[in-house]
Every structure is written in structure tokens, then in C-alpha cells.
Amino acid sequence: MVTSYRFTARHRGLAAVGAAAALALTLAACGSSSNSSSMPGMAHGGTSSASSSPSTSPSMDDMPGMDHMASGNGLSDTQDGYRLTSKDTTPPPGKQNAYRFTVTGPDGRPVTGFALDQTKRMHFYAIRSDLTGFQHVHPAMAADGTWTAALSSLTPGSWRLFASFTPDAGPGKGKDFVLSRTVTVPGNATRTPLPAPAAGTQADGYTVTVKGEPMAGMAHPLTVSIAKDGKPVTDLQPYLDTYAHLTAFHEGDAAFAHLPRPPR
């Protein structure tokens, strides 16, 4: 399971805390200005998320029509009559591109009313099939309900694209949805293995440490601490209305889970 953490501090040095793993988790923290990672392809916002060696081994995600057959958190393009649709199936490799998509409701018409969730009406993720590529962006919506996500360079291979949103009208009003589709970026793709598990990581002078043991099929707390020069960091500032964000993706099928920490 790859987990992306985002923390925001007064110090811009915490802009990006790279990849690490805690027990069965691989952690990547990304901040507001730049990115650095021992795992290639970790990015947030408009910066690059391309890994140097993409995936070779075909998976279920590479097979046409598997979006409708997938199960698990966020692994379907439909839920309760809502559907994620797009004509963009083969984004170009090696350059920035605009991915356009629409969310249709149970009536088959594009949804145009979305509630604010962590200050945004849509959260959009691009995750590479071997989990070495990660982007989290906030698309813009046109009047007809077409969203445009500005993606940084993607490397060849299979990617799963997630749309996280909450309708503010209709039968799904107030319900959180995570829908996804897969795309294939053309080119020669090779698989990049995940780094070995570790209890923490260091980047830009900051140390992130995770304590706790995740357990399959049940909720279990994890404790994350941040230090600099051996001293706890106590000046975290809210980003998207929370002090920290945890986004987890299951190794193998990229099942999605997100848990923000509210300010207090």
C-alpha cells in the first residue's frame, strides 16, 4: 500500500518529504512548492510525476473494459448511477497534457453542481500501475460540466485516474464519491519495484517517522511525527483546510483510501 502524506509548515523546506515505508506502508509526503523523492514519479500539483522506468507486466488495468469489472475503493467508473466518462484514453508521453472528463448523474446528464470538499470541488489523482507515479491536482470545470485536469509529464505504462467529489444536488447530494478509469501512455514500459519498507524518511532537513501497525480489514491508528534538527515541528499550517492528508493506494490494484486530519 503506497501512502501519500502532505504536511504544510511555515518553513518552505518541508515542501516535499520523499518516499519511505512504515511496516506495510510506503510513505510519500509532498508539500506546496517542490518535490523530492527516493521513489521516482512522486509529485503534487503541477510538478513532474514521471518515473524513469515504467511498467512492463500487463495487469487487469491494461485490459479494455476492466474499469466496469473492478471492485474496491475507487476502482470503478460507476457508482449509484454516477459515472466518470472521458474520450481521452492515450495521453501523450513525456509532456504536460490536459485530461478532460465528465461526471454524469443517474439521469445521464453531466453533473455541474459540486460541493466544496477541503476547499475544492474536485480532487483528481493520477497513479501509475506500479505506484511509482503520483499526481494530485485540482481540475477546472467548464459551464457544460467538462473538467480539465492539467497533468504533468506521464511516462509510458498504465495509469489509473481518480476523481473524488461530492454532488451538492440530486440523489447523490452530500455523498462522497471516488470514481476512476485507466489510461495507457504509449511507449516502452518497464516495471519499477517499490522501495523496501522503512519506519521513516528524511528530506529537506525534516524527519518523518510513523509508528503503528496497519491491520487488514479493520481500522487501526498510525502516529506520524515530524522533526527537524532533532526537535519536534510544531508550526504546521492548514493546507486545503487540514494539517495533514493521508492518501493510500493498495499495491496491485491501486485501491483508494483518503483520510484528512482536520485542524484543531
C-alpha atoms as a PDB file:
ATOM      1  CA  MET A   1       0.000   0.000   0.000  1.00  0.00           C
ATOM      2  CA  VAL A   2       1.514   3.323  -1.023  1.00  0.00           C
ATOM      3  CA  THR A   3       0.509   6.214   1.163  1.00  0.00           C
ATOM      4  CA  SER A   4       0.960   9.867   0.295  1.00  0.00           C
ATOM      5  CA  TYR A   5       1.223  12.292   3.188  1.00  0.00           C
ATOM      6  CA  ARG A   6       1.085  16.054   2.760  1.00  0.00           C
ATOM      7  CA  PHE A   7       2.124  18.440   5.509  1.00  0.00           C
ATOM      8  CA  THR A   8       2.386  22.232   5.381  1.00  0.00           C
ATOM      9  CA  ALA A   9       4.729  24.148   7.652  1.00  0.00           C
ATOM     10  CA  ARG A  10       5.837  27.756   7.894  1.00  0.00           C
ATOM     11  CA  HIS A  11       9.225  26.510   6.718  1.00  0.00           C
ATOM     12  CA  ARG A  12       9.206  26.014   2.956  1.00  0.00           C
ATOM     13  CA  GLY A  13      11.829  23.311   3.460  1.00  0.00           C
ATOM     14  CA  LEU A  14       9.013  20.856   4.158  1.00  0.00           C
ATOM     15  CA  ALA A  15       7.807  21.303   0.607  1.00  0.00           C
ATOM     16  CA  ALA A  16       8.405  17.657  -0.215  1.00  0.00           C
ATOM     17  CA  VAL A  17       9.242  14.762   2.047  1.00  0.00           C
ATOM     18  CA  GLY A  18      10.210  11.830  -0.163  1.00  0.00           C
ATOM     19  CA  ALA A  19       9.195   8.214  -0.115  1.00  0.00           C
ATOM     20  CA  ALA A  20       9.599   5.879   2.809  1.00  0.00           C
ATOM     21  CA  ALA A  21       7.744   2.928   4.201  1.00  0.00           C
ATOM     22  CA  ALA A  22       6.359   2.081   7.611  1.00  0.00           C
ATOM     23  CA  LEU A  23       5.688  -1.594   8.129  1.00  0.00           C
ATOM     24  CA  ALA A  24       3.486  -2.465   5.149  1.00  0.00           C
ATOM     25  CA  LEU A  25       3.123   1.177   4.095  1.00  0.00           C
ATOM     26  CA  THR A  26       5.223   3.208   1.697  1.00  0.00           C
ATOM     27  CA  LEU A  27       5.005   6.864   2.622  1.00  0.00           C
ATOM     28  CA  ALA A  28       5.494   9.925   0.459  1.00  0.00           C
ATOM     29  CA  ALA A  29       4.994  13.411   1.799  1.00  0.00           C
ATOM     30  CA  CYS A  30       4.522  16.272  -0.636  1.00  0.00           C
ATOM     31  CA  GLY A  31       4.260  19.951   0.084  1.00  0.00           C
ATOM     32  CA  SER A  32       3.443  23.231  -1.503  1.00  0.00           C
ATOM     33  CA  SER A  33       6.475  24.228  -3.539  1.00  0.00           C
ATOM     34  CA  SER A  34       8.768  21.430  -4.746  1.00  0.00           C
ATOM     35  CA  ASN A  35       9.212  17.686  -4.754  1.00  0.00           C
ATOM     36  CA  SER A  36      11.992  15.252  -3.896  1.00  0.00           C
ATOM     37  CA  SER A  37      11.636  11.540  -3.506  1.00  0.00           C
ATOM     38  CA  SER A  38      13.526   8.292  -3.378  1.00  0.00           C
ATOM     39  CA  MET A  39      10.576   6.884  -5.302  1.00  0.00           C
ATOM     40  CA  PRO A  40      10.572   8.266  -8.852  1.00  0.00           C
ATOM     41  CA  GLY A  41       7.418   9.960 -10.007  1.00  0.00           C
ATOM     42  CA  MET A  42       6.054  11.414  -6.777  1.00  0.00           C
ATOM     43  CA  ALA A  43       4.522  14.837  -7.368  1.00  0.00           C
ATOM     44  CA  HIS A  44       1.786  17.153  -6.207  1.00  0.00           C
ATOM     45  CA  GLY A  45       0.060  19.858  -8.167  1.00  0.00           C
ATOM     46  CA  GLY A  46       1.747  20.900 -11.376  1.00  0.00           C
ATOM     47  CA  THR A  47       5.188  19.358 -10.981  1.00  0.00           C
ATOM     48  CA  SER A  48       6.514  16.322 -12.790  1.00  0.00           C
ATOM     49  CA  SER A  49       5.348  12.868 -11.814  1.00  0.00           C
ATOM     50  CA  ALA A  50       7.182  10.766 -14.355  1.00  0.00           C
ATOM     51  CA  SER A  51       9.238   7.795 -13.295  1.00  0.00           C
ATOM     52  CA  SER A  52      12.305   6.886 -15.276  1.00  0.00           C
ATOM     53  CA  SER A  53      11.257   3.292 -15.840  1.00  0.00           C
ATOM     54  CA  PRO A  54       7.567   2.483 -16.247  1.00  0.00           C
ATOM     55  CA  SER A  55       5.775  -0.866 -16.108  1.00  0.00           C
ATOM     56  CA  THR A  56       6.078  -3.818 -18.455  1.00  0.00           C
ATOM     57  CA  SER A  57       3.979  -6.534 -16.943  1.00  0.00           C
ATOM     58  CA  PRO A  58       0.388  -6.272 -18.138  1.00  0.00           C
ATOM     59  CA  SER A  59      -2.240  -6.164 -15.428  1.00  0.00           C
ATOM     60  CA  MET A  60      -6.028  -6.113 -15.306  1.00  0.00           C
ATOM     61  CA  ASP A  61      -5.792  -2.331 -15.650  1.00  0.00           C
ATOM     62  CA  ASP A  62      -4.220  -2.757 -19.091  1.00  0.00           C
ATOM     63  CA  MET A  63      -7.180  -4.774 -20.420  1.00  0.00           C
ATOM     64  CA  PRO A  64     -10.030  -2.923 -22.163  1.00  0.00           C
ATOM     65  CA  GLY A  65     -13.288  -2.799 -20.222  1.00  0.00           C
ATOM     66  CA  MET A  66     -11.812  -3.675 -16.840  1.00  0.00           C
ATOM     67  CA  ASP A  67     -12.993  -0.373 -15.286  1.00  0.00           C
ATOM     68  CA  HIS A  68     -16.557  -1.698 -15.025  1.00  0.00           C
ATOM     69  CA  MET A  69     -15.397  -5.031 -13.599  1.00  0.00           C
ATOM     70  CA  ALA A  70     -13.052  -3.646 -10.970  1.00  0.00           C
ATOM     71  CA  SER A  71     -14.099  -3.655  -7.340  1.00  0.00           C
ATOM     72  CA  GLY A  72     -12.794  -1.977  -4.211  1.00  0.00           C
ATOM     73  CA  ASN A  73     -12.442   1.606  -3.065  1.00  0.00           C
ATOM     74  CA  GLY A  74     -12.442   3.882  -6.103  1.00  0.00           C
ATOM     75  CA  LEU A  75     -11.790   1.080  -8.578  1.00  0.00           C
ATOM     76  CA  SER A  76     -14.936   1.540 -10.670  1.00  0.00           C
ATOM     77  CA  ASP A  77     -16.003   4.291 -13.060  1.00  0.00           C
ATOM     78  CA  THR A  78     -19.633   3.987 -11.888  1.00  0.00           C
ATOM     79  CA  GLN A  79     -21.389   4.153  -8.524  1.00  0.00           C
ATOM     80  CA  ASP A  80     -25.058   4.711  -7.639  1.00  0.00           C
ATOM     81  CA  GLY A  81     -25.807   5.946 -11.151  1.00  0.00           C
ATOM     82  CA  TYR A  82     -22.888   8.388 -11.294  1.00  0.00           C
ATOM     83  CA  ARG A  83     -20.288   7.740 -13.952  1.00  0.00           C
ATOM     84  CA  LEU A  84     -16.830   9.063 -14.827  1.00  0.00           C
ATOM     85  CA  THR A  85     -16.524   9.410 -18.603  1.00  0.00           C
ATOM     86  CA  SER A  86     -13.726  10.577 -20.884  1.00  0.00           C
ATOM     87  CA  LYS A  87     -12.668  10.285 -24.504  1.00  0.00           C
ATOM     88  CA  ASP A  88      -9.011  10.645 -23.528  1.00  0.00           C
ATOM     89  CA  THR A  89      -7.591   7.106 -23.345  1.00  0.00           C
ATOM     90  CA  THR A  90      -3.974   7.512 -24.512  1.00  0.00           C
ATOM     91  CA  PRO A  91      -2.285  10.606 -23.035  1.00  0.00           C
ATOM     92  CA  PRO A  92       0.958  11.503 -24.808  1.00  0.00           C
ATOM     93  CA  PRO A  93       4.179  10.526 -23.005  1.00  0.00           C
ATOM     94  CA  GLY A  94       6.878  12.894 -21.844  1.00  0.00           C
ATOM     95  CA  LYS A  95       4.970  16.183 -21.841  1.00  0.00           C
ATOM     96  CA  GLN A  96       2.291  18.054 -19.968  1.00  0.00           C
ATOM     97  CA  ASN A  97      -1.233  17.362 -21.139  1.00  0.00           C
ATOM     98  CA  ALA A  98      -4.820  18.279 -20.322  1.00  0.00           C
ATOM     99  CA  TYR A  99      -7.039  15.316 -19.397  1.00  0.00           C
ATOM    100  CA  ARG A 100     -10.711  16.086 -19.975  1.00  0.00           C
ATOM    101  CA  PHE A 101     -13.525  14.198 -18.294  1.00  0.00           C
ATOM    102  CA  THR A 102     -17.154  14.476 -17.246  1.00  0.00           C
ATOM    103  CA  VAL A 103     -19.166  13.129 -14.334  1.00  0.00           C
ATOM    104  CA  THR A 104     -22.688  12.154 -15.366  1.00  0.00           C
ATOM    105  CA  GLY A 105     -25.547  11.611 -12.933  1.00  0.00           C
ATOM    106  CA  PRO A 106     -28.286   8.953 -12.763  1.00  0.00           C
ATOM    107  CA  ASP A 107     -30.211  10.891 -15.423  1.00  0.00           C
ATOM    108  CA  GLY A 108     -27.271  10.545 -17.839  1.00  0.00           C
ATOM    109  CA  ARG A 109     -26.633  14.294 -17.924  1.00  0.00           C
ATOM    110  CA  PRO A 110     -23.340  15.955 -16.909  1.00  0.00           C
ATOM    111  CA  VAL A 111     -23.244  16.997 -13.265  1.00  0.00           C
ATOM    112  CA  THR A 112     -22.391  20.684 -12.810  1.00  0.00           C
ATOM    113  CA  GLY A 113     -23.113  21.169  -9.112  1.00  0.00           C
ATOM    114  CA  PHE A 114     -20.396  20.016  -6.708  1.00  0.00           C
ATOM    115  CA  ALA A 115     -19.932  20.772  -3.022  1.00  0.00           C
ATOM    116  CA  LEU A 116     -16.681  22.104  -1.644  1.00  0.00           C
ATOM    117  CA  ASP A 117     -14.505  19.395  -0.126  1.00  0.00           C
ATOM    118  CA  GLN A 118     -11.342  20.647   1.554  1.00  0.00           C
ATOM    119  CA  THR A 119     -11.806  23.983  -0.282  1.00  0.00           C
ATOM    120  CA  LYS A 120     -12.034  22.301  -3.734  1.00  0.00           C
ATOM    121  CA  ARG A 121     -14.950  20.925  -5.766  1.00  0.00           C
ATOM    122  CA  MET A 122     -12.871  18.189  -7.371  1.00  0.00           C
ATOM    123  CA  HIS A 123      -9.732  16.308  -6.358  1.00  0.00           C
ATOM    124  CA  PHE A 124      -8.024  14.374  -9.144  1.00  0.00           C
ATOM    125  CA  TYR A 125      -5.271  11.765  -8.815  1.00  0.00           C
ATOM    126  CA  ALA A 126      -3.063  10.084 -11.417  1.00  0.00           C
ATOM    127  CA  ILE A 127      -1.441   6.872 -10.093  1.00  0.00           C
ATOM    128  CA  ARG A 128       0.909   4.665 -12.090  1.00  0.00           C
ATOM    129  CA  SER A 129       0.176   0.921 -12.016  1.00  0.00           C
ATOM    130  CA  ASP A 130       3.450   0.142 -10.201  1.00  0.00           C
ATOM    131  CA  LEU A 131       2.808   3.067  -7.797  1.00  0.00           C
ATOM    132  CA  THR A 132       5.951   4.959  -8.850  1.00  0.00           C
ATOM    133  CA  GLY A 133       3.991   7.854 -10.353  1.00  0.00           C
ATOM    134  CA  PHE A 134       1.692  10.109  -8.320  1.00  0.00           C
ATOM    135  CA  GLN A 135      -0.079  13.387  -9.044  1.00  0.00           C
ATOM    136  CA  HIS A 136      -2.812  15.196  -7.127  1.00  0.00           C
ATOM    137  CA  VAL A 137      -4.324  18.156  -8.966  1.00  0.00           C
ATOM    138  CA  HIS A 138      -7.481  20.265  -8.797  1.00  0.00           C
ATOM    139  CA  PRO A 139      -9.180  20.458 -12.213  1.00  0.00           C
ATOM    140  CA  ALA A 140     -11.204  23.333 -13.625  1.00  0.00           C
ATOM    141  CA  MET A 141     -14.806  22.822 -14.776  1.00  0.00           C
ATOM    142  CA  ALA A 142     -16.409  24.418 -17.834  1.00  0.00           C
ATOM    143  CA  ALA A 143     -20.049  25.515 -17.844  1.00  0.00           C
ATOM    144  CA  ASP A 144     -21.118  22.302 -19.627  1.00  0.00           C
ATOM    145  CA  GLY A 145     -19.690  20.111 -16.841  1.00  0.00           C
ATOM    146  CA  THR A 146     -16.444  19.179 -18.614  1.00  0.00           C
ATOM    147  CA  TRP A 147     -13.476  19.095 -16.264  1.00  0.00           C
ATOM    148  CA  THR A 148      -9.867  19.658 -17.364  1.00  0.00           C
ATOM    149  CA  ALA A 149      -7.033  18.266 -15.252  1.00  0.00           C
ATOM    150  CA  ALA A 150      -3.608  19.711 -16.032  1.00  0.00           C
ATOM    151  CA  LEU A 151      -1.320  16.691 -15.722  1.00  0.00           C
ATOM    152  CA  SER A 152       2.445  16.849 -15.707  1.00  0.00           C
ATOM    153  CA  SER A 153       4.543  14.530 -17.843  1.00  0.00           C
ATOM    154  CA  LEU A 154       3.465  10.874 -17.679  1.00  0.00           C
ATOM    155  CA  THR A 155       5.779   8.013 -18.583  1.00  0.00           C
ATOM    156  CA  PRO A 156       4.707   5.023 -20.704  1.00  0.00           C
ATOM    157  CA  GLY A 157       2.596   2.411 -18.985  1.00  0.00           C
ATOM    158  CA  SER A 158      -0.782   2.001 -17.316  1.00  0.00           C
ATOM    159  CA  TRP A 159      -2.159   4.774 -15.105  1.00  0.00           C
ATOM    160  CA  ARG A 160      -5.340   4.896 -13.036  1.00  0.00           C
ATOM    161  CA  LEU A 161      -7.048   8.289 -12.822  1.00  0.00           C
ATOM    162  CA  PHE A 162      -9.271   9.014  -9.807  1.00  0.00           C
ATOM    163  CA  ALA A 163     -11.929  11.709  -9.454  1.00  0.00           C
ATOM    164  CA  SER A 164     -13.013  12.490  -5.868  1.00  0.00           C
ATOM    165  CA  PHE A 165     -16.105  14.690  -5.468  1.00  0.00           C
ATOM    166  CA  THR A 166     -19.377  15.341  -3.625  1.00  0.00           C
ATOM    167  CA  PRO A 167     -22.530  16.367  -5.542  1.00  0.00           C
ATOM    168  CA  ASP A 168     -24.443  19.267  -3.994  1.00  0.00           C
ATOM    169  CA  ALA A 169     -27.756  18.373  -5.644  1.00  0.00           C
ATOM    170  CA  GLY A 170     -29.629  15.339  -6.954  1.00  0.00           C
ATOM    171  CA  PRO A 171     -29.857  11.825  -5.464  1.00  0.00           C
ATOM    172  CA  GLY A 172     -26.161  11.809  -4.542  1.00  0.00           C
ATOM    173  CA  LYS A 173     -26.236  15.131  -2.706  1.00  0.00           C
ATOM    174  CA  GLY A 174     -23.809  15.162   0.204  1.00  0.00           C
ATOM    175  CA  LYS A 175     -22.323  11.739  -0.601  1.00  0.00           C
ATOM    176  CA  ASP A 176     -18.594  11.335  -1.210  1.00  0.00           C
ATOM    177  CA  PHE A 177     -17.677   9.594  -4.475  1.00  0.00           C
ATOM    178  CA  VAL A 178     -14.352   8.279  -5.772  1.00  0.00           C
ATOM    179  CA  LEU A 179     -14.534   7.044  -9.370  1.00  0.00           C
ATOM    180  CA  SER A 180     -11.665   6.033 -11.624  1.00  0.00           C
ATOM    181  CA  ARG A 181     -10.666   4.988 -15.114  1.00  0.00           C
ATOM    182  CA  THR A 182      -7.431   3.656 -16.579  1.00  0.00           C
ATOM    183  CA  VAL A 183      -5.392   5.098 -19.412  1.00  0.00           C
ATOM    184  CA  THR A 184      -2.376   3.754 -21.259  1.00  0.00           C
ATOM    185  CA  VAL A 185       0.525   6.074 -22.030  1.00  0.00           C
ATOM    186  CA  PRO A 186       2.215   4.785 -25.219  1.00  0.00           C
ATOM    187  CA  GLY A 187       5.855   3.744 -25.270  1.00  0.00           C
ATOM    188  CA  ASN A 188       8.322   1.238 -23.898  1.00  0.00           C
ATOM    189  CA  ALA A 189       7.316   0.453 -20.312  1.00  0.00           C
ATOM    190  CA  THR A 190       9.271  -1.369 -17.604  1.00  0.00           C
ATOM    191  CA  ARG A 191       8.254  -2.032 -14.015  1.00  0.00           C
ATOM    192  CA  THR A 192       9.970  -0.216 -11.170  1.00  0.00           C
ATOM    193  CA  PRO A 193       9.960  -2.040  -7.805  1.00  0.00           C
ATOM    194  CA  LEU A 194       8.837  -0.226  -4.684  1.00  0.00           C
ATOM    195  CA  PRO A 195      11.497   0.588  -2.078  1.00  0.00           C
ATOM    196  CA  ALA A 196      11.856  -1.634   0.948  1.00  0.00           C
ATOM    197  CA  PRO A 197       9.693  -0.842   3.986  1.00  0.00           C
ATOM    198  CA  ALA A 198      11.136   1.618   6.497  1.00  0.00           C
ATOM    199  CA  ALA A 199       9.869   3.388   9.611  1.00  0.00           C
ATOM    200  CA  GLY A 200      10.501   6.894   8.306  1.00  0.00           C
ATOM    201  CA  THR A 201      12.252   9.153   5.860  1.00  0.00           C
ATOM    202  CA  GLN A 202      14.240  12.389   5.654  1.00  0.00           C
ATOM    203  CA  ALA A 203      14.017  15.281   3.200  1.00  0.00           C
ATOM    204  CA  ASP A 204      14.983  18.958   3.246  1.00  0.00           C
ATOM    205  CA  GLY A 205      16.251  18.606   6.805  1.00  0.00           C
ATOM    206  CA  TYR A 206      12.974  17.154   8.104  1.00  0.00           C
ATOM    207  CA  THR A 207      12.436  13.667   9.508  1.00  0.00           C
ATOM    208  CA  VAL A 208       9.053  11.950   9.249  1.00  0.00           C
ATOM    209  CA  THR A 209       8.502   8.926  11.489  1.00  0.00           C
ATOM    210  CA  VAL A 210       5.491   6.601  11.539  1.00  0.00           C
ATOM    211  CA  LYS A 211       4.514   4.368  14.453  1.00  0.00           C
ATOM    212  CA  GLY A 212       1.742   1.799  14.431  1.00  0.00           C
ATOM    213  CA  GLU A 213       0.844  -1.402  12.676  1.00  0.00           C
ATOM    214  CA  PRO A 214      -1.817  -1.366   9.935  1.00  0.00           C
ATOM    215  CA  MET A 215      -4.181  -4.330  10.096  1.00  0.00           C
ATOM    216  CA  ALA A 216      -6.145  -5.741   7.165  1.00  0.00           C
ATOM    217  CA  GLY A 217      -9.897  -5.396   7.374  1.00  0.00           C
ATOM    218  CA  MET A 218     -10.038  -3.105  10.391  1.00  0.00           C
ATOM    219  CA  ALA A 219      -9.318   0.458  11.467  1.00  0.00           C
ATOM    220  CA  HIS A 220      -6.056   0.935  13.321  1.00  0.00           C
ATOM    221  CA  PRO A 221      -4.326   4.202  14.243  1.00  0.00           C
ATOM    222  CA  LEU A 222      -0.961   5.295  12.918  1.00  0.00           C
ATOM    223  CA  THR A 223       1.018   8.062  14.581  1.00  0.00           C
ATOM    224  CA  VAL A 224       3.103  10.388  12.406  1.00  0.00           C
ATOM    225  CA  SER A 225       5.710  12.701  13.895  1.00  0.00           C
ATOM    226  CA  ILE A 226       7.768  15.374  12.154  1.00  0.00           C
ATOM    227  CA  ALA A 227      11.093  16.664  13.459  1.00  0.00           C
ATOM    228  CA  LYS A 228      13.874  18.978  12.339  1.00  0.00           C
ATOM    229  CA  ASP A 229      17.334  19.036  13.879  1.00  0.00           C
ATOM    230  CA  GLY A 230      16.067  16.511  16.425  1.00  0.00           C
ATOM    231  CA  LYS A 231      13.259  18.760  17.626  1.00  0.00           C
ATOM    232  CA  PRO A 232       9.512  18.279  17.000  1.00  0.00           C
ATOM    233  CA  VAL A 233       7.969  20.553  14.366  1.00  0.00           C
ATOM    234  CA  THR A 234       5.060  22.396  15.981  1.00  0.00           C
ATOM    235  CA  ASP A 235       4.270  25.111  13.422  1.00  0.00           C
ATOM    236  CA  LEU A 236       2.267  23.110  10.853  1.00  0.00           C
ATOM    237  CA  GLN A 237      -0.249  25.222   8.970  1.00  0.00           C
ATOM    238  CA  PRO A 238      -3.508  24.046   7.341  1.00  0.00           C
ATOM    239  CA  TYR A 239      -3.422  23.124   3.662  1.00  0.00           C
ATOM    240  CA  LEU A 240      -6.803  22.545   1.987  1.00  0.00           C
ATOM    241  CA  ASP A 241      -8.345  23.091   5.423  1.00  0.00           C
ATOM    242  CA  THR A 242      -6.407  20.332   7.225  1.00  0.00           C
ATOM    243  CA  TYR A 243      -2.977  19.981   8.811  1.00  0.00           C
ATOM    244  CA  ALA A 244      -2.183  16.700   7.084  1.00  0.00           C
ATOM    245  CA  HIS A 245      -3.603  14.462   4.367  1.00  0.00           C
ATOM    246  CA  LEU A 246      -3.204  10.719   4.031  1.00  0.00           C
ATOM    247  CA  THR A 247      -3.933   9.066   0.696  1.00  0.00           C
ATOM    248  CA  ALA A 248      -3.362   5.319   0.443  1.00  0.00           C
ATOM    249  CA  PHE A 249      -3.172   3.166  -2.692  1.00  0.00           C
ATOM    250  CA  HIS A 250      -3.112  -0.604  -2.471  1.00  0.00           C
ATOM    251  CA  GLU A 251      -0.205  -2.329  -4.197  1.00  0.00           C
ATOM    252  CA  GLY A 252      -1.577  -4.453  -7.017  1.00  0.00           C
ATOM    253  CA  ASP A 253      -4.920  -2.815  -7.811  1.00  0.00           C
ATOM    254  CA  ALA A 254      -4.392   0.794  -6.547  1.00  0.00           C
ATOM    255  CA  ALA A 255      -7.495   0.674  -4.316  1.00  0.00           C
ATOM    256  CA  PHE A 256      -8.008   4.188  -2.965  1.00  0.00           C
ATOM    257  CA  ALA A 257      -8.383   5.481   0.590  1.00  0.00           C
ATOM    258  CA  HIS A 258      -8.107   9.062   1.807  1.00  0.00           C
ATOM    259  CA  LEU A 259      -8.212  10.381   5.341  1.00  0.00           C
ATOM    260  CA  PRO A 260      -7.603  14.080   6.049  1.00  0.00           C
ATOM    261  CA  ARG A 261      -6.752  15.279   9.517  1.00  0.00           C
ATOM    262  CA  PRO A 262      -8.959  18.268  10.461  1.00  0.00           C
ATOM    263  CA  PRO A 263      -7.370  21.348  12.054  1.00  0.00           C
ATOM    264  CA  ARG A 264      -7.607  21.611  15.816  1.00  0.00           C
END
